[in-house]
């Protein structure tokens, strides 16, 4: 459990709680599981209006300052392991109801104006909002009386006041932790170390650091993706070079096989026979042109004899 004063109307936290602005650490697929556990009065639609409505209807006589603390944030949760186990066991609704009961008994039923269960972040938790409406004598007046200082007017101790300091008094904070631990003991949740010197950080600071961590994580992821892409390119290049080498090796092997085959073929009887036939064919081709030429000359002489006889016959007739 963690308590923190909110400045003004606490609009920035309202945007986070009501998811009008979606934080980076929230899973959008689970946002629909978030729910408001407190029923608003008629005409009130959101946390900011609920805070204003409580102050306006409380009967406060003194003017409320612009920067006066109007609300106290209460963050209720357990360890991630415990909360996830509670969700798995189906006990989360009972845990929510017991938290509402403790809040109303501790701060007043009407002062609890909102309690939102968040299920879309890493660990289920409740953002409760308390408007610090109190009664009784002011702590400052009581201290002045104890120190013997004169007071000019006695105020009605039953008047309602808006005072976060009274709600956040040190001795009350210890009481809150003790009673809350008792209320949650049946869920296996344990109280923090009593008297610990550890300091709480503000809710806004927590989310700021969380966002910074996520930004850093995103940068690391992008760097890793870049390295992976570069490695894939190098791997593709190496595979290409390996394929080229394989193709060159295959070509060399094929050439060697062909050469071996030709060499083997040249040493066989078939090749020798083919060479002899080839030589005979070459000689035959060389002989045929002379023979063809003689035949053509003889043929020409035979064709000229009838022509000469005809000319002789013509001369005798004349």
C-alpha atoms as a PDB file:
ATOM      1  CA  UNK A   1       0.000   0.000   0.000  1.00  0.00           C
ATOM      2  CA  UNK A   2       1.231   3.479  -0.884  1.00  0.00           C
ATOM      3  CA  UNK A   3      -0.323   6.880  -0.043  1.00  0.00           C
ATOM      4  CA  UNK A   4       0.477  10.139  -1.790  1.00  0.00           C
ATOM      5  CA  UNK A   5      -0.926  13.669  -1.743  1.00  0.00           C
ATOM      6  CA  UNK A   6      -2.334  14.930  -5.034  1.00  0.00           C
ATOM      7  CA  UNK A   7      -2.017  18.556  -6.075  1.00  0.00           C
ATOM      8  CA  UNK A   8      -5.066  20.464  -7.231  1.00  0.00           C
ATOM      9  CA  UNK A   9      -7.674  18.446  -9.101  1.00  0.00           C
ATOM     10  CA  UNK A  10      -5.063  15.789  -9.991  1.00  0.00           C
ATOM     11  CA  UNK A  11      -6.057  15.804 -13.655  1.00  0.00           C
ATOM     12  CA  UNK A  12      -2.822  14.214 -14.855  1.00  0.00           C
ATOM     13  CA  UNK A  13      -3.348  11.120 -12.715  1.00  0.00           C
ATOM     14  CA  UNK A  14      -6.987  10.945 -13.797  1.00  0.00           C
ATOM     15  CA  UNK A  15      -5.892  10.589 -17.433  1.00  0.00           C
ATOM     16  CA  UNK A  16      -3.714   7.644 -16.414  1.00  0.00           C
ATOM     17  CA  UNK A  17      -6.277   5.969 -14.177  1.00  0.00           C
ATOM     18  CA  UNK A  18      -9.164   6.368 -16.630  1.00  0.00           C
ATOM     19  CA  UNK A  19      -6.981   5.545 -19.665  1.00  0.00           C
ATOM     20  CA  UNK A  20      -7.898   8.702 -21.584  1.00  0.00           C
ATOM     21  CA  UNK A  21      -4.203   8.592 -22.444  1.00  0.00           C
ATOM     22  CA  UNK A  22      -2.873   5.064 -22.898  1.00  0.00           C
ATOM     23  CA  UNK A  23       0.469   4.456 -21.113  1.00  0.00           C
ATOM     24  CA  UNK A  24       3.260   2.507 -22.796  1.00  0.00           C
ATOM     25  CA  UNK A  25       3.380  -0.114 -20.048  1.00  0.00           C
ATOM     26  CA  UNK A  26      -0.285  -1.095 -20.455  1.00  0.00           C
ATOM     27  CA  UNK A  27      -1.555  -3.894 -22.693  1.00  0.00           C
ATOM     28  CA  UNK A  28      -4.390  -2.535 -24.852  1.00  0.00           C
ATOM     29  CA  UNK A  29      -5.754  -6.057 -25.308  1.00  0.00           C
ATOM     30  CA  UNK A  30      -6.495  -6.233 -21.555  1.00  0.00           C
ATOM     31  CA  UNK A  31      -7.678  -2.657 -20.939  1.00  0.00           C
ATOM     32  CA  UNK A  32     -11.306  -3.755 -21.206  1.00  0.00           C
ATOM     33  CA  UNK A  33     -10.741  -5.728 -17.975  1.00  0.00           C
ATOM     34  CA  UNK A  34     -10.162  -2.513 -15.995  1.00  0.00           C
ATOM     35  CA  UNK A  35     -13.149  -1.369 -13.958  1.00  0.00           C
ATOM     36  CA  UNK A  36     -14.348   1.308 -11.542  1.00  0.00           C
ATOM     37  CA  UNK A  37     -15.300  -0.287  -8.215  1.00  0.00           C
ATOM     38  CA  UNK A  38     -17.092   2.718  -6.713  1.00  0.00           C
ATOM     39  CA  UNK A  39     -20.478   3.849  -7.971  1.00  0.00           C
ATOM     40  CA  UNK A  40     -20.471   7.577  -8.690  1.00  0.00           C
ATOM     41  CA  UNK A  41     -23.284   9.843  -7.446  1.00  0.00           C
ATOM     42  CA  UNK A  42     -25.944  10.828  -9.953  1.00  0.00           C
ATOM     43  CA  UNK A  43     -24.616  13.282 -12.521  1.00  0.00           C
ATOM     44  CA  UNK A  44     -20.963  12.408 -11.826  1.00  0.00           C
ATOM     45  CA  UNK A  45     -19.180  10.721 -14.725  1.00  0.00           C
ATOM     46  CA  UNK A  46     -15.489  10.517 -13.812  1.00  0.00           C
ATOM     47  CA  UNK A  47     -12.867  10.747 -11.069  1.00  0.00           C
ATOM     48  CA  UNK A  48     -12.259  14.488 -11.401  1.00  0.00           C
ATOM     49  CA  UNK A  49     -15.961  15.240 -11.070  1.00  0.00           C
ATOM     50  CA  UNK A  50     -16.230  12.850  -8.132  1.00  0.00           C
ATOM     51  CA  UNK A  51     -13.512  14.749  -6.237  1.00  0.00           C
ATOM     52  CA  UNK A  52     -15.190  18.100  -6.906  1.00  0.00           C
ATOM     53  CA  UNK A  53     -18.629  16.731  -5.966  1.00  0.00           C
ATOM     54  CA  UNK A  54     -17.413  15.451  -2.583  1.00  0.00           C
ATOM     55  CA  UNK A  55     -15.835  18.801  -1.693  1.00  0.00           C
ATOM     56  CA  UNK A  56     -18.867  20.798  -2.831  1.00  0.00           C
ATOM     57  CA  UNK A  57     -21.337  18.663  -0.856  1.00  0.00           C
ATOM     58  CA  UNK A  58     -19.243  18.198   2.314  1.00  0.00           C
ATOM     59  CA  UNK A  59     -20.404  21.434   3.965  1.00  0.00           C
ATOM     60  CA  UNK A  60     -16.963  23.027   4.204  1.00  0.00           C
ATOM     61  CA  UNK A  61     -17.242  26.621   5.447  1.00  0.00           C
ATOM     62  CA  UNK A  62     -13.730  27.768   4.706  1.00  0.00           C
ATOM     63  CA  UNK A  63     -12.672  28.586   1.181  1.00  0.00           C
ATOM     64  CA  UNK A  64     -10.729  25.838  -0.522  1.00  0.00           C
ATOM     65  CA  UNK A  65      -7.437  27.094  -1.938  1.00  0.00           C
ATOM     66  CA  UNK A  66      -6.572  26.590  -5.606  1.00  0.00           C
ATOM     67  CA  UNK A  67      -3.422  24.606  -4.838  1.00  0.00           C
ATOM     68  CA  UNK A  68      -4.789  22.915  -1.746  1.00  0.00           C
ATOM     69  CA  UNK A  69      -4.563  19.125  -1.644  1.00  0.00           C
ATOM     70  CA  UNK A  70      -7.988  17.930  -2.683  1.00  0.00           C
ATOM     71  CA  UNK A  71      -7.291  14.213  -2.936  1.00  0.00           C
ATOM     72  CA  UNK A  72      -5.009  11.482  -1.663  1.00  0.00           C
ATOM     73  CA  UNK A  73      -3.957   8.667  -3.958  1.00  0.00           C
ATOM     74  CA  UNK A  74      -3.863   5.178  -2.481  1.00  0.00           C
ATOM     75  CA  UNK A  75      -2.160   2.412  -4.452  1.00  0.00           C
ATOM     76  CA  UNK A  76      -3.153  -1.081  -3.332  1.00  0.00           C
ATOM     77  CA  UNK A  77      -1.447  -4.221  -4.609  1.00  0.00           C
ATOM     78  CA  UNK A  78       0.861  -7.111  -3.750  1.00  0.00           C
ATOM     79  CA  UNK A  79       3.790  -8.851  -5.359  1.00  0.00           C
ATOM     80  CA  UNK A  80       3.395  -9.882  -8.976  1.00  0.00           C
ATOM     81  CA  UNK A  81       3.534 -13.549  -7.999  1.00  0.00           C
ATOM     82  CA  UNK A  82       0.874 -13.199  -5.281  1.00  0.00           C
ATOM     83  CA  UNK A  83      -1.482 -11.127  -7.426  1.00  0.00           C
ATOM     84  CA  UNK A  84      -1.218 -13.432 -10.436  1.00  0.00           C
ATOM     85  CA  UNK A  85      -1.857 -16.455  -8.211  1.00  0.00           C
ATOM     86  CA  UNK A  86      -4.868 -14.681  -6.723  1.00  0.00           C
ATOM     87  CA  UNK A  87      -6.197 -14.042 -10.236  1.00  0.00           C
ATOM     88  CA  UNK A  88      -5.629 -17.683 -11.227  1.00  0.00           C
ATOM     89  CA  UNK A  89      -7.422 -18.916  -8.100  1.00  0.00           C
ATOM     90  CA  UNK A  90     -10.438 -16.685  -8.806  1.00  0.00           C
ATOM     91  CA  UNK A  91      -9.997 -14.695  -5.561  1.00  0.00           C
ATOM     92  CA  UNK A  92      -9.425 -11.278  -7.141  1.00  0.00           C
ATOM     93  CA  UNK A  93     -13.042 -10.118  -6.705  1.00  0.00           C
ATOM     94  CA  UNK A  94     -12.925 -10.994  -3.008  1.00  0.00           C
ATOM     95  CA  UNK A  95      -9.649  -9.089  -2.671  1.00  0.00           C
ATOM     96  CA  UNK A  96     -11.239  -6.038  -4.317  1.00  0.00           C
ATOM     97  CA  UNK A  97     -14.244  -6.161  -1.996  1.00  0.00           C
ATOM     98  CA  UNK A  98     -12.043  -6.442   1.115  1.00  0.00           C
ATOM     99  CA  UNK A  99     -10.001  -3.462  -0.085  1.00  0.00           C
ATOM    100  CA  UNK A 100     -13.150  -1.357  -0.487  1.00  0.00           C
ATOM    101  CA  UNK A 101     -14.301  -2.372   2.986  1.00  0.00           C
ATOM    102  CA  UNK A 102     -10.970  -1.378   4.539  1.00  0.00           C
ATOM    103  CA  UNK A 103     -10.879   1.960   2.680  1.00  0.00           C
ATOM    104  CA  UNK A 104     -14.387   2.929   3.793  1.00  0.00           C
ATOM    105  CA  UNK A 105     -13.778   1.927   7.410  1.00  0.00           C
ATOM    106  CA  UNK A 106     -10.435   3.769   7.506  1.00  0.00           C
ATOM    107  CA  UNK A 107     -11.168   7.027   5.637  1.00  0.00           C
ATOM    108  CA  UNK A 108     -14.961   7.269   5.673  1.00  0.00           C
ATOM    109  CA  UNK A 109     -17.447   5.873   3.180  1.00  0.00           C
ATOM    110  CA  UNK A 110     -18.199   9.191   1.485  1.00  0.00           C
ATOM    111  CA  UNK A 111     -14.512  10.132   1.287  1.00  0.00           C
ATOM    112  CA  UNK A 112     -13.784   7.154  -0.958  1.00  0.00           C
ATOM    113  CA  UNK A 113     -14.800   8.696  -4.290  1.00  0.00           C
ATOM    114  CA  UNK A 114     -13.078   6.323  -6.724  1.00  0.00           C
ATOM    115  CA  UNK A 115     -11.307   2.958  -6.849  1.00  0.00           C
ATOM    116  CA  UNK A 116     -10.200   1.628 -10.225  1.00  0.00           C
ATOM    117  CA  UNK A 117      -8.877  -1.891 -10.733  1.00  0.00           C
ATOM    118  CA  UNK A 118      -6.156  -2.044 -13.386  1.00  0.00           C
ATOM    119  CA  UNK A 119      -5.736  -5.399 -15.105  1.00  0.00           C
ATOM    120  CA  UNK A 120      -3.790  -4.264 -18.182  1.00  0.00           C
ATOM    121  CA  UNK A 121      -0.432  -3.689 -16.486  1.00  0.00           C
ATOM    122  CA  UNK A 122       2.105  -6.244 -15.280  1.00  0.00           C
ATOM    123  CA  UNK A 123       0.565  -6.643 -11.802  1.00  0.00           C
ATOM    124  CA  UNK A 124      -3.142  -6.187 -10.931  1.00  0.00           C
ATOM    125  CA  UNK A 125      -3.644  -3.195  -8.601  1.00  0.00           C
ATOM    126  CA  UNK A 126      -6.205  -0.654  -7.388  1.00  0.00           C
ATOM    127  CA  UNK A 127      -5.954   3.132  -7.695  1.00  0.00           C
ATOM    128  CA  UNK A 128      -8.139   4.464  -4.861  1.00  0.00           C
ATOM    129  CA  UNK A 129      -8.914   8.167  -4.358  1.00  0.00           C
ATOM    130  CA  UNK A 130      -9.642   9.632  -0.941  1.00  0.00           C
ATOM    131  CA  UNK A 131     -10.909  13.183  -0.419  1.00  0.00           C
ATOM    132  CA  UNK A 132      -9.439  14.206   3.002  1.00  0.00           C
ATOM    133  CA  UNK A 133     -12.581  15.587   4.646  1.00  0.00           C
ATOM    134  CA  UNK A 134     -12.030  15.535   8.433  1.00  0.00           C
ATOM    135  CA  UNK A 135     -13.568  16.841  11.635  1.00  0.00           C
ATOM    136  CA  UNK A 136     -12.016  17.710  14.978  1.00  0.00           C
ATOM    137  CA  UNK A 137      -9.585  20.312  16.181  1.00  0.00           C
ATOM    138  CA  UNK A 138      -6.768  21.332  13.910  1.00  0.00           C
ATOM    139  CA  UNK A 139      -3.379  19.916  14.824  1.00  0.00           C
ATOM    140  CA  UNK A 140      -1.832  23.374  14.716  1.00  0.00           C
ATOM    141  CA  UNK A 141      -4.395  24.767  17.204  1.00  0.00           C
ATOM    142  CA  UNK A 142      -3.887  21.834  19.523  1.00  0.00           C
ATOM    143  CA  UNK A 143      -0.133  22.356  19.451  1.00  0.00           C
ATOM    144  CA  UNK A 144      -0.517  26.068  20.187  1.00  0.00           C
ATOM    145  CA  UNK A 145      -2.673  25.312  23.224  1.00  0.00           C
ATOM    146  CA  UNK A 146      -0.119  22.836  24.526  1.00  0.00           C
ATOM    147  CA  UNK A 147       2.602  25.488  24.194  1.00  0.00           C
ATOM    148  CA  UNK A 148       0.532  28.005  26.200  1.00  0.00           C
ATOM    149  CA  UNK A 149      -0.137  30.367  23.309  1.00  0.00           C
ATOM    150  CA  UNK A 150      -3.304  32.468  23.503  1.00  0.00           C
ATOM    151  CA  UNK A 151      -6.107  31.666  21.095  1.00  0.00           C
ATOM    152  CA  UNK A 152      -8.556  34.437  20.259  1.00  0.00           C
ATOM    153  CA  UNK A 153     -11.489  32.299  19.150  1.00  0.00           C
ATOM    154  CA  UNK A 154     -12.504  28.736  19.812  1.00  0.00           C
ATOM    155  CA  UNK A 155     -13.704  27.021  16.641  1.00  0.00           C
ATOM    156  CA  UNK A 156     -16.336  24.323  16.561  1.00  0.00           C
ATOM    157  CA  UNK A 157     -14.460  21.019  16.542  1.00  0.00           C
ATOM    158  CA  UNK A 158     -17.316  19.384  14.654  1.00  0.00           C
ATOM    159  CA  UNK A 159     -16.874  21.591  11.611  1.00  0.00           C
ATOM    160  CA  UNK A 160     -15.739  19.673   8.570  1.00  0.00           C
ATOM    161  CA  UNK A 161     -12.431  20.600   7.022  1.00  0.00           C
ATOM    162  CA  UNK A 162     -10.379  19.645   3.988  1.00  0.00           C
ATOM    163  CA  UNK A 163      -7.034  18.670   5.493  1.00  0.00           C
ATOM    164  CA  UNK A 164      -4.641  16.150   3.953  1.00  0.00           C
ATOM    165  CA  UNK A 165      -2.084  16.688   6.751  1.00  0.00           C
ATOM    166  CA  UNK A 166      -4.455  15.228   9.313  1.00  0.00           C
ATOM    167  CA  UNK A 167      -4.993  12.126   7.185  1.00  0.00           C
ATOM    168  CA  UNK A 168      -1.286  11.754   6.412  1.00  0.00           C
ATOM    169  CA  UNK A 169       0.000  12.214   9.988  1.00  0.00           C
ATOM    170  CA  UNK A 170       2.964   9.928  10.705  1.00  0.00           C
ATOM    171  CA  UNK A 171       1.314   7.969  13.503  1.00  0.00           C
ATOM    172  CA  UNK A 172      -1.719   7.374  11.294  1.00  0.00           C
ATOM    173  CA  UNK A 173       0.388   6.069   8.442  1.00  0.00           C
ATOM    174  CA  UNK A 174       1.751   3.316  10.683  1.00  0.00           C
ATOM    175  CA  UNK A 175      -1.800   2.510  11.772  1.00  0.00           C
ATOM    176  CA  UNK A 176      -2.897   2.222   8.140  1.00  0.00           C
ATOM    177  CA  UNK A 177      -0.107  -0.232   7.359  1.00  0.00           C
ATOM    178  CA  UNK A 178      -0.889  -2.383  10.388  1.00  0.00           C
ATOM    179  CA  UNK A 179      -4.648  -2.600   9.832  1.00  0.00           C
ATOM    180  CA  UNK A 180      -4.271  -3.142   6.084  1.00  0.00           C
ATOM    181  CA  UNK A 181      -1.860  -6.026   6.668  1.00  0.00           C
ATOM    182  CA  UNK A 182      -4.407  -7.630   8.983  1.00  0.00           C
ATOM    183  CA  UNK A 183      -7.199  -7.234   6.414  1.00  0.00           C
ATOM    184  CA  UNK A 184      -5.070  -8.775   3.641  1.00  0.00           C
ATOM    185  CA  UNK A 185      -3.485 -11.586   5.650  1.00  0.00           C
ATOM    186  CA  UNK A 186      -5.996 -14.153   4.395  1.00  0.00           C
ATOM    187  CA  UNK A 187      -4.689 -13.587   0.872  1.00  0.00           C
ATOM    188  CA  UNK A 188      -1.113 -14.323   1.894  1.00  0.00           C
ATOM    189  CA  UNK A 189      -0.027 -10.691   1.536  1.00  0.00           C
ATOM    190  CA  UNK A 190       2.509  -9.567   4.125  1.00  0.00           C
ATOM    191  CA  UNK A 191       3.222  -6.165   5.595  1.00  0.00           C
ATOM    192  CA  UNK A 192       6.402  -4.329   4.710  1.00  0.00           C
ATOM    193  CA  UNK A 193       9.217  -4.029   7.237  1.00  0.00           C
ATOM    194  CA  UNK A 194       8.005  -2.016  10.233  1.00  0.00           C
ATOM    195  CA  UNK A 195      10.228   1.015  10.793  1.00  0.00           C
ATOM    196  CA  UNK A 196      12.032   0.616   7.463  1.00  0.00           C
ATOM    197  CA  UNK A 197      14.118   3.598   6.342  1.00  0.00           C
ATOM    198  CA  UNK A 198      13.211   2.968   2.716  1.00  0.00           C
ATOM    199  CA  UNK A 199      11.498   5.926   1.079  1.00  0.00           C
ATOM    200  CA  UNK A 200       8.520   5.777  -1.219  1.00  0.00           C
ATOM    201  CA  UNK A 201       8.774   7.410  -4.608  1.00  0.00           C
ATOM    202  CA  UNK A 202       5.771   9.248  -6.015  1.00  0.00           C
ATOM    203  CA  UNK A 203       3.388   7.476  -8.356  1.00  0.00           C
ATOM    204  CA  UNK A 204       4.258   9.888 -11.159  1.00  0.00           C
ATOM    205  CA  UNK A 205       7.985   9.310 -10.571  1.00  0.00           C
ATOM    206  CA  UNK A 206       7.395   5.559 -10.637  1.00  0.00           C
ATOM    207  CA  UNK A 207       5.642   5.718 -13.995  1.00  0.00           C
ATOM    208  CA  UNK A 208       8.248   8.139 -15.342  1.00  0.00           C
ATOM    209  CA  UNK A 209      11.037   5.712 -14.463  1.00  0.00           C
ATOM    210  CA  UNK A 210       8.999   2.837 -15.875  1.00  0.00           C
ATOM    211  CA  UNK A 211       8.539   4.670 -19.188  1.00  0.00           C
ATOM    212  CA  UNK A 212      12.266   5.481 -19.292  1.00  0.00           C
ATOM    213  CA  UNK A 213      13.073   1.805 -18.726  1.00  0.00           C
ATOM    214  CA  UNK A 214      10.699   0.810 -21.519  1.00  0.00           C
ATOM    215  CA  UNK A 215      12.203   3.416 -23.867  1.00  0.00           C
ATOM    216  CA  UNK A 216      15.643   2.021 -23.093  1.00  0.00           C
ATOM    217  CA  UNK A 217      14.351  -1.506 -23.660  1.00  0.00           C
ATOM    218  CA  UNK A 218      12.816  -0.429 -26.980  1.00  0.00           C
ATOM    219  CA  UNK A 219      16.130   1.065 -28.065  1.00  0.00           C
ATOM    220  CA  UNK A 220      17.880  -2.197 -27.175  1.00  0.00           C
ATOM    221  CA  UNK A 221      15.293  -4.166 -29.146  1.00  0.00           C
ATOM    222  CA  UNK A 222      15.744  -1.913 -32.184  1.00  0.00           C
ATOM    223  CA  UNK A 223      19.519  -2.301 -31.920  1.00  0.00           C
ATOM    224  CA  UNK A 224      19.202  -6.092 -31.749  1.00  0.00           C
ATOM    225  CA  UNK A 225      16.846  -6.098 -34.724  1.00  0.00           C
ATOM    226  CA  UNK A 226      19.367  -4.021 -36.679  1.00  0.00           C
ATOM    227  CA  UNK A 227      22.150  -6.438 -35.804  1.00  0.00           C
ATOM    228  CA  UNK A 228      19.950  -9.373 -36.776  1.00  0.00           C
ATOM    229  CA  UNK A 229      19.164  -7.776 -40.152  1.00  0.00           C
ATOM    230  CA  UNK A 230      22.855  -7.135 -40.790  1.00  0.00           C
ATOM    231  CA  UNK A 231      23.687 -10.718 -39.812  1.00  0.00           C
ATOM    232  CA  UNK A 232      21.010 -12.032 -42.204  1.00  0.00           C
ATOM    233  CA  UNK A 233      22.522 -10.003 -45.044  1.00  0.00           C
ATOM    234  CA  UNK A 234      25.992 -11.361 -44.290  1.00  0.00           C
ATOM    235  CA  UNK A 235      24.628 -14.896 -44.075  1.00  0.00           C
ATOM    236  CA  UNK A 236      22.894 -14.483 -47.444  1.00  0.00           C
ATOM    237  CA  UNK A 237      26.126 -13.194 -48.975  1.00  0.00           C
ATOM    238  CA  UNK A 238      28.132 -16.103 -47.583  1.00  0.00           C
ATOM    239  CA  UNK A 239      25.549 -18.596 -48.891  1.00  0.00           C
ATOM    240  CA  UNK A 240      25.795 -16.971 -52.321  1.00  0.00           C
ATOM    241  CA  UNK A 241      29.575 -17.259 -52.302  1.00  0.00           C
ATOM    242  CA  UNK A 242      29.322 -20.900 -51.243  1.00  0.00           C
ATOM    243  CA  UNK A 243      26.914 -21.615 -54.109  1.00  0.00           C
ATOM    244  CA  UNK A 244      29.288 -19.966 -56.599  1.00  0.00           C
ATOM    245  CA  UNK A 245      32.160 -22.073 -55.312  1.00  0.00           C
ATOM    246  CA  UNK A 246      30.016 -25.189 -55.576  1.00  0.00           C
ATOM    247  CA  UNK A 247      29.100 -24.330 -59.180  1.00  0.00           C
ATOM    248  CA  UNK A 248      32.750 -23.742 -60.052  1.00  0.00           C
ATOM    249  CA  UNK A 249      33.661 -27.061 -58.459  1.00  0.00           C
ATOM    250  CA  UNK A 250      30.896 -28.824 -60.360  1.00  0.00           C
ATOM    251  CA  UNK A 251      32.101 -27.278 -63.648  1.00  0.00           C
ATOM    252  CA  UNK A 252      35.665 -28.420 -62.975  1.00  0.00           C
ATOM    253  CA  UNK A 253      34.459 -31.911 -62.143  1.00  0.00           C
ATOM    254  CA  UNK A 254      32.386 -32.047 -65.345  1.00  0.00           C
ATOM    255  CA  UNK A 255      35.312 -30.861 -67.465  1.00  0.00           C
ATOM    256  CA  UNK A 256      37.579 -33.444 -65.883  1.00  0.00           C
ATOM    257  CA  UNK A 257      35.021 -36.167 -66.511  1.00  0.00           C
ATOM    258  CA  UNK A 258      34.672 -35.159 -70.165  1.00  0.00           C
ATOM    259  CA  UNK A 259      38.435 -35.061 -70.621  1.00  0.00           C
ATOM    260  CA  UNK A 260      38.759 -38.462 -68.995  1.00  0.00           C
ATOM    261  CA  UNK A 261      36.023 -39.824 -71.241  1.00  0.00           C
ATOM    262  CA  UNK A 262      37.586 -38.429 -74.384  1.00  0.00           C
ATOM    263  CA  UNK A 263      40.986 -39.730 -73.371  1.00  0.00           C
ATOM    264  CA  UNK A 264      39.519 -43.158 -72.756  1.00  0.00           C
ATOM    265  CA  UNK A 265      37.683 -43.018 -76.050  1.00  0.00           C
ATOM    266  CA  UNK A 266      40.792 -42.048 -78.010  1.00  0.00           C
ATOM    267  CA  UNK A 267      42.641 -45.098 -76.778  1.00  0.00           C
ATOM    268  CA  UNK A 268      39.975 -47.557 -78.070  1.00  0.00           C
ATOM    269  CA  UNK A 269      39.812 -49.642 -81.286  1.00  0.00           C
ATOM    270  CA  UNK A 270      36.670 -47.845 -82.428  1.00  0.00           C
ATOM    271  CA  UNK A 271      38.537 -44.594 -82.689  1.00  0.00           C
ATOM    272  CA  UNK A 272      41.342 -46.199 -84.681  1.00  0.00           C
ATOM    273  CA  UNK A 273      38.833 -47.699 -87.112  1.00  0.00           C
ATOM    274  CA  UNK A 274      37.077 -44.360 -87.431  1.00  0.00           C
ATOM    275  CA  UNK A 275      40.389 -42.672 -88.139  1.00  0.00           C
ATOM    276  CA  UNK A 276      41.165 -45.225 -90.950  1.00  0.00           C
ATOM    277  CA  UNK A 277      37.736 -44.757 -92.502  1.00  0.00           C
ATOM    278  CA  UNK A 278      38.132 -41.014 -92.267  1.00  0.00           C
ATOM    279  CA  UNK A 279      41.506 -41.227 -94.090  1.00  0.00           C
ATOM    280  CA  UNK A 280      40.007 -43.385 -96.892  1.00  0.00           C
ATOM    281  CA  UNK A 281      37.164 -40.944 -97.280  1.00  0.00           C
ATOM    282  CA  UNK A 282      39.557 -38.040 -97.517  1.00  0.00           C
ATOM    283  CA  UNK A 283      41.605 -39.767-100.282  1.00  0.00           C
ATOM    284  CA  UNK A 284      38.461 -40.661-102.172  1.00  0.00           C
ATOM    285  CA  UNK A 285      37.329 -37.039-102.063  1.00  0.00           C
ATOM    286  CA  UNK A 286      40.747 -35.947-103.351  1.00  0.00           C
ATOM    287  CA  UNK A 287      40.559 -38.439-106.282  1.00  0.00           C
ATOM    288  CA  UNK A 288      37.020 -37.632-107.396  1.00  0.00           C
ATOM    289  CA  UNK A 289      37.662 -34.061-108.688  1.00  0.00           C
ATOM    290  CA  UNK A 290      40.277 -35.322-111.315  1.00  0.00           C
ATOM    291  CA  UNK A 291      37.964 -38.055-112.506  1.00  0.00           C
ATOM    292  CA  UNK A 292      35.034 -35.747-112.777  1.00  0.00           C
ATOM    293  CA  UNK A 293      37.066 -33.248-114.771  1.00  0.00           C
ATOM    294  CA  UNK A 294      38.129 -35.924-117.368  1.00  0.00           C
ATOM    295  CA  UNK A 295      34.592 -37.124-117.780  1.00  0.00           C
ATOM    296  CA  UNK A 296      33.425 -33.618-118.457  1.00  0.00           C
ATOM    297  CA  UNK A 297      36.152 -33.116-121.145  1.00  0.00           C
ATOM    298  CA  UNK A 298      35.208 -36.372-122.947  1.00  0.00           C
ATOM    299  CA  UNK A 299      31.568 -35.452-122.882  1.00  0.00           C
ATOM    300  CA  UNK A 300      32.282 -32.100-124.470  1.00  0.00           C
ATOM    301  CA  UNK A 301      34.167 -33.750-127.408  1.00  0.00           C
ATOM    302  CA  UNK A 302      31.306 -36.109-128.127  1.00  0.00           C
ATOM    303  CA  UNK A 303      28.850 -33.237-128.315  1.00  0.00           C
ATOM    304  CA  UNK A 304      31.023 -31.337-130.824  1.00  0.00           C
ATOM    305  CA  UNK A 305      31.287 -34.240-133.428  1.00  0.00           C
ATOM    306  CA  UNK A 306      27.667 -34.074-134.730  1.00  0.00           C
ATOM    307  CA  UNK A 307      27.963 -30.359-135.151  1.00  0.00           C
ATOM    308  CA  UNK A 308      31.126 -30.725-137.285  1.00  0.00           C
ATOM    309  CA  UNK A 309      29.517 -33.448-139.476  1.00  0.00           C
ATOM    310  CA  UNK A 310      26.531 -31.200-140.123  1.00  0.00           C
ATOM    311  CA  UNK A 311      28.760 -28.377-141.309  1.00  0.00           C
ATOM    312  CA  UNK A 312      30.601 -30.744-143.735  1.00  0.00           C
ATOM    313  CA  UNK A 313      27.302 -31.974-145.233  1.00  0.00           C
ATOM    314  CA  UNK A 314      26.136 -28.444-145.868  1.00  0.00           C
ATOM    315  CA  UNK A 315      29.377 -27.618-147.696  1.00  0.00           C
ATOM    316  CA  UNK A 316      29.086 -30.621-150.075  1.00  0.00           C
ATOM    317  CA  UNK A 317      25.529 -29.735-151.029  1.00  0.00           C
ATOM    318  CA  UNK A 318      26.611 -26.345-152.038  1.00  0.00           C
END
